[in-house]
C-alpha atoms as a PDB file:
ATOM      1  CA  MET A   1      -0.446   5.511  14.786  1.00  0.00           C
ATOM      2  CA  ASN A   2      -0.333   9.015  13.715  1.00  0.00           C
ATOM      3  CA  LEU A   3       2.884   9.344  15.806  1.00  0.00           C
ATOM      4  CA  ILE A   4       4.462   6.776  13.886  1.00  0.00           C
ATOM      5  CA  ASP A   5       2.578   7.252  10.101  1.00  0.00           C
ATOM      6  CA  ASP A   6       2.807  11.374  10.420  1.00  0.00           C
ATOM      7  CA  VAL A   7       6.418  11.490  12.455  1.00  0.00           C
ATOM      8  CA  ALA A   8       8.769   8.734  12.872  1.00  0.00           C
ATOM      9  CA  LEU A   9       8.765   7.366   9.345  1.00  0.00           C
ATOM     10  CA  PRO A  10       8.955  10.284   7.185  1.00  0.00           C
ATOM     11  CA  GLY A  11      10.867  11.847   9.900  1.00  0.00           C
ATOM     12  CA  SER A  12      14.016   8.769   9.688  1.00  0.00           C
ATOM     13  CA  LEU A  13      13.440   8.628   6.268  1.00  0.00           C
ATOM     14  CA  TRP A  14      14.260  12.371   5.701  1.00  0.00           C
ATOM     15  CA  ALA A  15      17.131  12.123   8.010  1.00  0.00           C
ATOM     16  CA  ILE A  16      18.393   9.130   6.643  1.00  0.00           C
ATOM     17  CA  MET A  17      18.137  10.735   3.523  1.00  0.00           C
ATOM     18  CA  PHE A  18      20.081  13.872   4.928  1.00  0.00           C
ATOM     19  CA  SER A  19      22.502  11.785   5.732  1.00  0.00           C
ATOM     20  CA  MET A  20      22.820  10.251   2.554  1.00  0.00           C
ATOM     21  CA  GLY A  21      23.655  13.801   1.153  1.00  0.00           C
ATOM     22  CA  LEU A  22      26.369  14.245   3.584  1.00  0.00           C
ATOM     23  CA  SER A  23      28.509  12.080   1.261  1.00  0.00           C
ATOM     24  CA  LEU A  24      27.739  12.758  -1.659  1.00  0.00           C
ATOM     25  CA  THR A  25      29.021  15.412  -3.940  1.00  0.00           C
ATOM     26  CA  TRP A  26      27.978  16.601  -7.676  1.00  0.00           C
ATOM     27  CA  GLN A  27      30.586  15.137  -9.199  1.00  0.00           C
ATOM     28  CA  ASP A  28      29.099  11.807  -7.670  1.00  0.00           C
ATOM     29  CA  PHE A  29      25.831  12.512 -10.244  1.00  0.00           C
ATOM     30  CA  ARG A  30      28.004  13.453 -13.044  1.00  0.00           C
ATOM     31  CA  ARG A  31      30.052  10.055 -13.009  1.00  0.00           C
ATOM     32  CA  VAL A  32      26.602   8.409 -13.129  1.00  0.00           C
ATOM     33  CA  PHE A  33      25.164  10.018 -16.136  1.00  0.00           C
ATOM     34  CA  ASN A  34      28.828   9.641 -17.326  1.00  0.00           C
ATOM     35  CA  GLU A  35      28.077   5.835 -17.412  1.00  0.00           C
ATOM     36  CA  ARG A  36      24.500   5.796 -18.688  1.00  0.00           C
ATOM     37  CA  ARG A  37      24.833   1.838 -19.656  1.00  0.00           C
ATOM     38  CA  ALA A  38      24.291   1.245 -15.590  1.00  0.00           C
ATOM     39  CA  LEU A  39      21.493   3.402 -14.840  1.00  0.00           C
ATOM     40  CA  LEU A  40      18.970   2.035 -18.513  1.00  0.00           C
ATOM     41  CA  VAL A  41      19.753  -1.602 -17.643  1.00  0.00           C
ATOM     42  CA  GLY A  42      18.608  -0.852 -13.760  1.00  0.00           C
ATOM     43  CA  VAL A  43      15.395   1.310 -14.732  1.00  0.00           C
ATOM     44  CA  GLY A  44      14.625  -0.938 -17.190  1.00  0.00           C
ATOM     45  CA  ALA A  45      15.096  -3.967 -15.644  1.00  0.00           C
ATOM     46  CA  MET A  46      13.021  -2.720 -12.540  1.00  0.00           C
ATOM     47  CA  LEU A  47      10.237  -1.430 -14.943  1.00  0.00           C
ATOM     48  CA  VAL A  48      10.087  -5.052 -17.097  1.00  0.00           C
ATOM     49  CA  VAL A  49      10.916  -7.832 -14.443  1.00  0.00           C
ATOM     50  CA  PRO A  50       9.184  -7.808 -11.130  1.00  0.00           C
ATOM     51  CA  PRO A  51       5.648  -6.770 -12.890  1.00  0.00           C
ATOM     52  CA  LEU A  52       6.016 -10.070 -15.306  1.00  0.00           C
ATOM     53  CA  VAL A  53       6.996 -12.047 -12.431  1.00  0.00           C
ATOM     54  CA  GLY A  54       4.452 -10.223  -9.789  1.00  0.00           C
ATOM     55  CA  ILE A  55       1.866 -11.121 -12.429  1.00  0.00           C
ATOM     56  CA  VAL A  56       2.936 -15.117 -13.318  1.00  0.00           C
ATOM     57  CA  ILE A  57       2.967 -15.682  -9.541  1.00  0.00           C
ATOM     58  CA  ALA A  58       0.033 -13.770  -9.028  1.00  0.00           C
ATOM     59  CA  THR A  59      -2.307 -15.591 -11.785  1.00  0.00           C
ATOM     60  CA  LYS A  60      -1.253 -19.289 -10.640  1.00  0.00           C
ATOM     61  CA  TYR A  61      -0.982 -19.058  -6.891  1.00  0.00           C
ATOM     62  CA  ALA A  62      -2.963 -16.294  -5.713  1.00  0.00           C
ATOM     63  CA  PRO A  63      -6.053 -17.862  -3.206  1.00  0.00           C
ATOM     64  CA  THR A  64      -8.269 -14.731  -3.981  1.00  0.00           C
ATOM     65  CA  PRO A  65      -8.442 -12.117  -6.544  1.00  0.00           C
ATOM     66  CA  GLU A  66      -8.041  -9.265  -4.149  1.00  0.00           C
ATOM     67  CA  LEU A  67      -4.512 -10.900  -2.851  1.00  0.00           C
ATOM     68  CA  ALA A  68      -3.842 -11.606  -6.719  1.00  0.00           C
ATOM     69  CA  VAL A  69      -4.257  -7.649  -6.892  1.00  0.00           C
ATOM     70  CA  GLY A  70      -2.939  -6.926  -4.165  1.00  0.00           C
ATOM     71  CA  PHE A  71       0.648  -8.854  -5.408  1.00  0.00           C
ATOM     72  CA  VAL A  72       0.289  -7.321  -8.829  1.00  0.00           C
ATOM     73  CA  LEU A  73       0.536  -3.960  -6.757  1.00  0.00           C
ATOM     74  CA  LEU A  74       3.201  -4.957  -5.062  1.00  0.00           C
ATOM     75  CA  ALA A  75       5.118  -6.477  -8.027  1.00  0.00           C
ATOM     76  CA  THR A  76       4.816  -2.623  -9.974  1.00  0.00           C
ATOM     77  CA  CYS A  77       6.419  -1.050  -6.628  1.00  0.00           C
ATOM     78  CA  PRO A  78       9.445   1.486  -7.080  1.00  0.00           C
ATOM     79  CA  GLY A  79      12.339   0.606  -5.300  1.00  0.00           C
ATOM     80  CA  GLY A  80      11.984   1.839  -1.802  1.00  0.00           C
ATOM     81  CA  MET A  81      14.541   4.897  -0.276  1.00  0.00           C
ATOM     82  CA  LEU A  82      15.708   2.225   2.265  1.00  0.00           C
ATOM     83  CA  SER A  83      17.619   0.931  -0.759  1.00  0.00           C
ATOM     84  CA  ASN A  84      19.852   4.019  -0.276  1.00  0.00           C
ATOM     85  CA  LEU A  85      20.522   3.128   2.789  1.00  0.00           C
ATOM     86  CA  MET A  86      21.060  -0.234   2.376  1.00  0.00           C
ATOM     87  CA  THR A  87      23.197   0.177  -0.910  1.00  0.00           C
ATOM     88  CA  ASP A  88      25.591   2.534   1.396  1.00  0.00           C
ATOM     89  CA  LEU A  89      25.654  -0.283   3.830  1.00  0.00           C
ATOM     90  CA  SER A  90      26.811  -2.691   1.025  1.00  0.00           C
ATOM     91  CA  LYS A  91      29.580  -0.090  -0.109  1.00  0.00           C
ATOM     92  CA  GLY A  92      27.732  -0.090  -3.680  1.00  0.00           C
ATOM     93  CA  ASP A  93      27.273   2.753  -5.711  1.00  0.00           C
ATOM     94  CA  LEU A  94      25.310   5.531  -3.756  1.00  0.00           C
ATOM     95  CA  ALA A  95      24.842   8.139  -6.408  1.00  0.00           C
ATOM     96  CA  LEU A  96      23.538   5.336  -8.994  1.00  0.00           C
ATOM     97  CA  SER A  97      20.975   3.761  -6.364  1.00  0.00           C
ATOM     98  CA  MET A  98      19.809   7.412  -5.960  1.00  0.00           C
ATOM     99  CA  SER A  99      19.098   7.747  -9.483  1.00  0.00           C
ATOM    100  CA  PHE A 100      17.219   4.788  -9.664  1.00  0.00           C
ATOM    101  CA  THR A 101      14.752   5.422  -6.718  1.00  0.00           C
ATOM    102  CA  ILE A 102      14.429   8.882  -8.418  1.00  0.00           C
ATOM    103  CA  ALA A 103      13.465   7.712 -12.239  1.00  0.00           C
ATOM    104  CA  VAL A 104      11.511   4.599 -11.429  1.00  0.00           C
ATOM    105  CA  SER A 105       9.749   6.732  -9.124  1.00  0.00           C
ATOM    106  CA  CYS A 106       8.826   8.908 -11.432  1.00  0.00           C
ATOM    107  CA  ILE A 107       7.864   7.015 -14.024  1.00  0.00           C
ATOM    108  CA  TYR A 108       5.937   4.498 -11.838  1.00  0.00           C
ATOM    109  CA  ILE A 109       3.590   7.872 -11.386  1.00  0.00           C
ATOM    110  CA  PHE A 110       2.754   7.708 -14.885  1.00  0.00           C
ATOM    111  CA  MET A 111       2.653   3.915 -14.825  1.00  0.00           C
ATOM    112  CA  VAL A 112       0.701   3.303 -11.817  1.00  0.00           C
ATOM    113  CA  PRO A 113      -3.104   4.035 -12.814  1.00  0.00           C
ATOM    114  CA  PHE A 114      -2.288   1.404 -16.020  1.00  0.00           C
ATOM    115  CA  TYR A 115      -1.093  -1.519 -13.829  1.00  0.00           C
ATOM    116  CA  ALA A 116      -3.860  -1.083 -11.349  1.00  0.00           C
ATOM    117  CA  HIS A 117      -6.945  -0.597 -14.130  1.00  0.00           C
ATOM    118  CA  PHE A 118      -5.436  -4.027 -15.632  1.00  0.00           C
ATOM    119  CA  ALA A 119      -5.105  -6.069 -12.083  1.00  0.00           C
ATOM    120  CA  LEU A 120      -8.826  -5.120 -11.164  1.00  0.00           C
ATOM    121  CA  LEU A 121     -10.003  -5.741 -14.767  1.00  0.00           C
ATOM    122  CA  HIS A 122      -8.118  -9.041 -15.087  1.00  0.00           C
ATOM    123  CA  PHE A 123      -8.761 -10.494 -11.491  1.00  0.00           C
ATOM    124  CA  MET A 124     -11.936  -8.923 -10.652  1.00  0.00           C
ATOM    125  CA  GLY A 125     -13.730  -7.645 -13.643  1.00  0.00           C
ATOM    126  CA  GLN A 126     -14.152  -4.291 -12.520  1.00  0.00           C
ATOM    127  CA  THR A 127     -13.654  -1.576 -14.616  1.00  0.00           C
ATOM    128  CA  ARG A 128     -12.966   1.316 -12.833  1.00  0.00           C
ATOM    129  CA  GLU A 129     -10.606   4.470 -12.672  1.00  0.00           C
ATOM    130  CA  ILE A 130      -7.395   4.872 -10.608  1.00  0.00           C
ATOM    131  CA  ASP A 131      -6.628   8.248  -9.810  1.00  0.00           C
ATOM    132  CA  VAL A 132      -3.664   8.480  -7.924  1.00  0.00           C
ATOM    133  CA  PRO A 133      -2.855  12.191  -6.740  1.00  0.00           C
ATOM    134  CA  LEU A 134       0.316  12.496  -9.330  1.00  0.00           C
ATOM    135  CA  LEU A 135       0.940  16.276  -7.655  1.00  0.00           C
ATOM    136  CA  GLU A 136       1.040  15.196  -4.144  1.00  0.00           C
ATOM    137  CA  PHE A 137       2.847  12.224  -4.611  1.00  0.00           C
ATOM    138  CA  ILE A 138       5.267  14.030  -6.569  1.00  0.00           C
ATOM    139  CA  GLY A 139       5.924  16.321  -4.110  1.00  0.00           C
ATOM    140  CA  SER A 140       5.930  13.776  -1.266  1.00  0.00           C
ATOM    141  CA  ILE A 141       9.047  12.057  -3.067  1.00  0.00           C
ATOM    142  CA  PHE A 142      10.723  14.982  -3.919  1.00  0.00           C
ATOM    143  CA  MET A 143      10.390  16.002  -0.256  1.00  0.00           C
ATOM    144  CA  MET A 144      11.882  13.001   1.076  1.00  0.00           C
ATOM    145  CA  THR A 145      14.214  12.161  -1.495  1.00  0.00           C
ATOM    146  CA  LEU A 146      15.734  15.242  -3.299  1.00  0.00           C
ATOM    147  CA  VAL A 147      15.329  17.879  -0.761  1.00  0.00           C
ATOM    148  CA  PRO A 148      17.266  16.204   1.912  1.00  0.00           C
ATOM    149  CA  VAL A 149      20.040  15.086   0.001  1.00  0.00           C
ATOM    150  CA  THR A 150      20.323  18.170  -1.803  1.00  0.00           C
ATOM    151  CA  LEU A 151      20.395  19.732   1.988  1.00  0.00           C
ATOM    152  CA  GLY A 152      23.056  17.614   2.898  1.00  0.00           C
ATOM    153  CA  MET A 153      25.189  17.467  -0.775  1.00  0.00           C
ATOM    154  CA  LEU A 154      25.195  21.515   0.546  1.00  0.00           C
ATOM    155  CA  VAL A 155      26.300  21.141   4.139  1.00  0.00           C
ATOM    156  CA  ARG A 156      29.255  18.718   2.987  1.00  0.00           C
ATOM    157  CA  ARG A 157      30.349  21.300   0.416  1.00  0.00           C
ATOM    158  CA  ILE A 158      30.300  23.910   2.961  1.00  0.00           C
ATOM    159  CA  ARG A 159      31.596  22.205   6.106  1.00  0.00           C
ATOM    160  CA  SER A 160      33.318  19.144   4.456  1.00  0.00           C
ATOM    161  CA  GLU A 161      34.663  17.953   7.910  1.00  0.00           C
ATOM    162  CA  LEU A 162      31.667  18.638   9.779  1.00  0.00           C
ATOM    163  CA  ALA A 163      29.540  16.726   7.758  1.00  0.00           C
ATOM    164  CA  LEU A 164      31.491  13.694   7.753  1.00  0.00           C
ATOM    165  CA  LYS A 165      31.157  13.889  11.426  1.00  0.00           C
ATOM    166  CA  LEU A 166      27.479  14.233  11.436  1.00  0.00           C
ATOM    167  CA  ARG A 167      26.069  11.822   9.279  1.00  0.00           C
ATOM    168  CA  GLY A 168      27.359   8.544  11.686  1.00  0.00           C
ATOM    169  CA  TYR A 169      25.682  10.190  13.922  1.00  0.00           C
ATOM    170  CA  ILE A 170      22.594  11.245  12.285  1.00  0.00           C
ATOM    171  CA  LYS A 171      21.915   7.815  10.216  1.00  0.00           C
ATOM    172  CA  ILE A 172      22.566   5.812  13.848  1.00  0.00           C
ATOM    173  CA  VAL A 173      19.396   8.053  15.172  1.00  0.00           C
ATOM    174  CA  ALA A 174      17.640   7.856  12.342  1.00  0.00           C
ATOM    175  CA  MET A 175      18.069   3.844  12.137  1.00  0.00           C
ATOM    176  CA  ILE A 176      17.125   2.919  15.593  1.00  0.00           C
ATOM    177  CA  VAL A 177      13.657   5.401  15.555  1.00  0.00           C
ATOM    178  CA  LEU A 178      12.881   3.388  11.810  1.00  0.00           C
ATOM    179  CA  VAL A 179      13.200  -0.175  13.364  1.00  0.00           C
ATOM    180  CA  GLY A 180      10.638   0.986  16.028  1.00  0.00           C
ATOM    181  CA  ALA A 181       8.272   2.396  13.545  1.00  0.00           C
ATOM    182  CA  PHE A 182       8.778  -0.412  11.546  1.00  0.00           C
ATOM    183  CA  VAL A 183       8.074  -3.041  14.586  1.00  0.00           C
ATOM    184  CA  THR A 184       5.260  -1.207  15.714  1.00  0.00           C
ATOM    185  CA  ILE A 185       3.370  -1.659  12.004  1.00  0.00           C
ATOM    186  CA  LEU A 186       3.833  -4.810  11.839  1.00  0.00           C
ATOM    187  CA  VAL A 187       2.702  -5.554  15.269  1.00  0.00           C
ATOM    188  CA  ASP A 188      -0.800  -3.691  14.613  1.00  0.00           C
ATOM    189  CA  GLN A 189      -1.305  -5.669  11.389  1.00  0.00           C
ATOM    190  CA  VAL A 190      -0.670  -9.309  13.182  1.00  0.00           C
ATOM    191  CA  GLU A 191      -4.563  -9.554  13.279  1.00  0.00           C
ATOM    192  CA  VAL A 192      -4.468  -9.109   9.435  1.00  0.00           C
ATOM    193  CA  LEU A 193      -2.056 -11.289   8.624  1.00  0.00           C
ATOM    194  CA  ARG A 194      -2.978 -14.201  10.272  1.00  0.00           C
ATOM    195  CA  GLN A 195      -5.166 -15.654   6.788  1.00  0.00           C
ATOM    196  CA  ASN A 196      -3.352 -16.798   4.097  1.00  0.00           C
ATOM    197  CA  ALA A 197      -0.471 -16.089   5.866  1.00  0.00           C
ATOM    198  CA  ALA A 198       1.544 -18.884   4.936  1.00  0.00           C
ATOM    199  CA  LEU A 199       0.662 -18.676   1.216  1.00  0.00           C
ATOM    200  CA  LEU A 200       1.503 -15.421   0.850  1.00  0.00           C
ATOM    201  CA  PHE A 201       4.544 -15.996   2.775  1.00  0.00           C
ATOM    202  CA  TRP A 202       6.035 -18.274   0.000  1.00  0.00           C
ATOM    203  CA  MET A 203       4.272 -16.240  -2.585  1.00  0.00           C
ATOM    204  CA  THR A 204       6.522 -13.051  -1.846  1.00  0.00           C
ATOM    205  CA  LEU A 205       9.620 -14.925  -0.744  1.00  0.00           C
ATOM    206  CA  ALA A 206       9.441 -16.596  -4.206  1.00  0.00           C
ATOM    207  CA  GLY A 207       8.809 -13.794  -6.011  1.00  0.00           C
ATOM    208  CA  ASN A 208      12.070 -11.793  -4.089  1.00  0.00           C
ATOM    209  CA  LEU A 209      14.278 -14.579  -5.177  1.00  0.00           C
ATOM    210  CA  ILE A 210      13.508 -14.733  -8.758  1.00  0.00           C
ATOM    211  CA  VAL A 211      13.541 -11.022  -9.395  1.00  0.00           C
ATOM    212  CA  VAL A 212      16.768 -10.491  -7.585  1.00  0.00           C
ATOM    213  CA  THR A 213      18.190 -13.314  -9.715  1.00  0.00           C
ATOM    214  CA  ALA A 214      17.154 -11.509 -12.813  1.00  0.00           C
ATOM    215  CA  ALA A 215      18.552  -8.442 -11.676  1.00  0.00           C
ATOM    216  CA  PHE A 216      21.554 -10.370 -10.879  1.00  0.00           C
ATOM    217  CA  LEU A 217      22.015 -12.048 -14.108  1.00  0.00           C
ATOM    218  CA  LEU A 218      21.265  -8.847 -16.021  1.00  0.00           C
ATOM    219  CA  SER A 219      23.677  -6.797 -14.240  1.00  0.00           C
ATOM    220  CA  LYS A 220      26.453  -9.666 -14.997  1.00  0.00           C
ATOM    221  CA  LEU A 221      25.198  -9.659 -18.603  1.00  0.00           C
ATOM    222  CA  ALA A 222      26.073  -5.792 -19.037  1.00  0.00           C
ATOM    223  CA  ARG A 223      29.054  -5.987 -17.239  1.00  0.00           C
ATOM    224  CA  LEU A 224      28.641  -3.908 -14.794  1.00  0.00           C
ATOM    225  CA  ASN A 225      31.184  -3.717 -11.335  1.00  0.00           C
ATOM    226  CA  PRO A 226      30.238  -4.619  -7.956  1.00  0.00           C
ATOM    227  CA  PRO A 227      29.285  -1.152  -6.968  1.00  0.00           C
ATOM    228  CA  GLN A 228      26.786  -1.014  -9.649  1.00  0.00           C
ATOM    229  CA  THR A 229      25.617  -4.294  -9.328  1.00  0.00           C
ATOM    230  CA  SER A 230      24.968  -4.004  -5.958  1.00  0.00           C
ATOM    231  CA  ALA A 231      22.533  -0.975  -6.181  1.00  0.00           C
ATOM    232  CA  VAL A 232      20.697  -2.256  -8.689  1.00  0.00           C
ATOM    233  CA  CYS A 233      19.792  -5.651  -6.818  1.00  0.00           C
ATOM    234  CA  ILE A 234      19.113  -4.008  -3.637  1.00  0.00           C
ATOM    235  CA  GLU A 235      16.867  -1.636  -5.735  1.00  0.00           C
ATOM    236  CA  HIS A 236      14.435  -4.842  -6.384  1.00  0.00           C
ATOM    237  CA  LEU A 237      14.364  -5.899  -3.120  1.00  0.00           C
ATOM    238  CA  ILE A 238      13.300  -3.074  -1.228  1.00  0.00           C
ATOM    239  CA  ARG A 239      10.121  -1.780  -2.504  1.00  0.00           C
ATOM    240  CA  GLN A 240       7.618   1.735  -1.671  1.00  0.00           C
ATOM    241  CA  GLU A 241       4.947  -0.383  -0.363  1.00  0.00           C
ATOM    242  CA  GLY A 242       3.153   2.566   0.997  1.00  0.00           C
ATOM    243  CA  THR A 243       2.130   3.745  -2.093  1.00  0.00           C
ATOM    244  CA  ALA A 244       0.715   0.329  -3.028  1.00  0.00           C
ATOM    245  CA  ILE A 245      -0.981   0.405   0.403  1.00  0.00           C
ATOM    246  CA  TYR A 246      -2.668   4.047  -0.417  1.00  0.00           C
ATOM    247  CA  ILE A 247      -3.521   2.698  -3.377  1.00  0.00           C
ATOM    248  CA  ALA A 248      -5.637  -0.881  -2.524  1.00  0.00           C
ATOM    249  CA  VAL A 249      -6.853   0.657   1.048  1.00  0.00           C
ATOM    250  CA  ALA A 250      -7.619   4.195  -0.059  1.00  0.00           C
ATOM    251  CA  ILE A 251      -8.222   4.331  -3.299  1.00  0.00           C
ATOM    252  CA  VAL A 252     -10.047   0.785  -3.955  1.00  0.00           C
ATOM    253  CA  GLY A 253     -11.188   0.491  -0.315  1.00  0.00           C
ATOM    254  CA  SER A 254      -9.701  -3.851   0.001  1.00  0.00           C
ATOM    255  CA  ARG A 255      -7.878  -4.015   3.449  1.00  0.00           C
ATOM    256  CA  GLU A 256      -7.190  -7.662   1.984  1.00  0.00           C
ATOM    257  CA  MET A 257      -4.831  -6.043  -0.913  1.00  0.00           C
ATOM    258  CA  SER A 258      -2.412  -4.642   1.456  1.00  0.00           C
ATOM    259  CA  LEU A 259      -1.689  -8.101   2.776  1.00  0.00           C
ATOM    260  CA  PRO A 260       1.454  -8.618   0.035  1.00  0.00           C
ATOM    261  CA  MET A 261       2.541  -5.534   0.888  1.00  0.00           C
ATOM    262  CA  ILE A 262       2.721  -6.142   4.574  1.00  0.00           C
ATOM    263  CA  MET A 263       3.970  -9.498   4.093  1.00  0.00           C
ATOM    264  CA  ASN A 264       6.862  -8.336   1.822  1.00  0.00           C
ATOM    265  CA  THR A 265       7.862  -5.668   4.075  1.00  0.00           C
ATOM    266  CA  PRO A 266       9.767  -7.758   6.588  1.00  0.00           C
ATOM    267  CA  ILE A 267      11.063 -10.626   3.642  1.00  0.00           C
ATOM    268  CA  GLY A 268      12.451  -8.133   1.537  1.00  0.00           C
ATOM    269  CA  LEU A 269      14.393  -6.560   4.356  1.00  0.00           C
ATOM    270  CA  VAL A 270      15.755  -9.946   5.719  1.00  0.00           C
ATOM    271  CA  LEU A 271      16.869 -11.090   1.950  1.00  0.00           C
ATOM    272  CA  CYS A 272      18.661  -6.924   2.082  1.00  0.00           C
ATOM    273  CA  ILE A 273      20.393  -7.658   4.800  1.00  0.00           C
ATOM    274  CA  ILE A 274      21.746 -11.113   3.900  1.00  0.00           C
ATOM    275  CA  PHE A 275      22.568  -9.577   0.358  1.00  0.00           C
ATOM    276  CA  VAL A 276      24.353  -7.094   2.007  1.00  0.00           C
ATOM    277  CA  LEU A 277      26.401  -8.761   4.136  1.00  0.00           C
ATOM    278  CA  VAL A 278      27.301 -11.114   1.007  1.00  0.00           C
ATOM    279  CA  MET A 279      28.190  -7.823  -1.153  1.00  0.00           C
ATOM    280  CA  ARG A 280      30.235  -6.402   1.489  1.00  0.00           C
ATOM    281  CA  ASN A 281      32.711  -9.100   0.899  1.00  0.00           C
ATOM    282  CA  VAL A 282      32.679  -8.917  -2.489  1.00  0.00           C
ATOM    283  CA  MET A 283      33.573  -5.431  -2.854  1.00  0.00           C
ATOM    284  CA  ALA A 284      36.135  -5.587  -0.352  1.00  0.00           C
ATOM    285  CA  ARG A 285      38.224  -8.188  -2.799  1.00  0.00           C
ATOM    286  CA  HIS A 286      36.882  -5.784  -5.982  1.00  0.00           C
ATOM    287  CA  ARG A 287      38.694  -2.933  -4.007  1.00  0.00           C
ATOM    288  CA  GLN A 288      41.737  -5.262  -3.698  1.00  0.00           C
ATOM    289  CA  GLU A 289      41.372  -5.910  -7.108  1.00  0.00           C
ATOM    290  CA  GLN A 290      41.573  -2.690  -8.000  1.00  0.00           C
ATOM    291  CA  ALA A 291      44.359  -1.200  -5.742  1.00  0.00           C
ATOM    292  CA  PRO A 292      46.818  -2.434  -8.084  1.00  0.00           C
ATOM    293  CA  LEU A 293      45.479  -0.983 -11.090  1.00  0.00           C
ATOM    294  CA  LEU A 294      44.989   2.114  -9.543  1.00  0.00           C
ATOM    295  CA  ARG A 295      48.895   2.517  -7.898  1.00  0.00           C
ATOM    296  CA  GLN A 296      50.115   1.723 -11.732  1.00  0.00           C
ATOM    297  CA  PRO A 297      49.988   5.055 -13.015  1.00  0.00           C
ATOM    298  CA  GLU A 298      52.012   6.472 -10.369  1.00  0.00           C
ATOM    299  CA  ALA A 299      54.761   3.490 -10.758  1.00  0.00           C
ATOM    300  CA  GLY A 300      54.837   4.619 -14.311  1.00  0.00           C
ATOM    301  CA  SER A 301      55.676   8.217 -13.204  1.00  0.00           C
END
C-alpha cells in the first residue's frame, strides 16, 4: 500500500495537474477573476450547502455516532483535485474549477477544526481538540495544484506546440495509474465496508444528489453560463476524502468514521461521470448557439 499511497496516487494526480497547466494561459485566470460572480457563487455554495445537507442526513439516519461524525466530515470536505480533470472532460470552465479548488481548500484548512469539534461534541458528547497540521496541509495542496499547473503553464508559454502534444499522452497515462490505484485501495477496504454498507450507500447517494441539484439551481439563479455551471456542480461531486479520512483515523482514532468517505469515492465518481457525459452534450449545443454571435462582428465589418 505504500507504493499506492506514496507514489501512484500523488504521482498520477501531479501529472494530471501538470497536463491541466499545459492547456491553460494566464489570461484564463484573469478572465475568471474578472467574472467574480461565478467564483463567489461556487465558493459560497460549497461552504454552505454540503455541510447543511450532511448534518441533516447524519442527524436523521446515521446508525452510530462514529458514522454520523464521519458523514459530517465528508460533507465538509472541499472539492477534490479530480474535479479539475472532470471539468476539463466536460468542456467546462477549467480555470474557474482550478480557482474553486484552491480557494475552497485554503478556506477549509481554517474551518475544519470547527466542523470536526462540532461533530464530535454533538454526536459523541466529546470535547476534543482537533489539530490539523496547517503548514503541511497547505504545502501539500500547493505541491499538488499550484506547482504542477504553474510548470505546465510555463511549458505552454515557452513551447506551445510541444505542450499541446504532451498534454494528451500525460493525461492518459496518469488516468490509467490513478484508476489502478483507486481499484487497489477499494479492494483493500472491502472488509471495512461490509458493515452498514447498504444504509451508507443510500445516505451518500442521497446527499450527493441533493447537493449537486442545489448547486445546479443556484448556478441557474445566478445566470452562470454552461461552462461555469459545469465547474460549480462538479466541484460539489468530487471531494478530497483523503483529508477527512486522515482526520477520522489519524487524529480521532476511529476507522469506523472513515466509512462514509470510502463509500463516497465510487459514488461521487460515478455520478460525476454521468454528469460529465450530460454536460458534454449541453456544451456542444452552447457552442453552436454562440457561434452565430461570434461571427456577427465579422459580418458587420
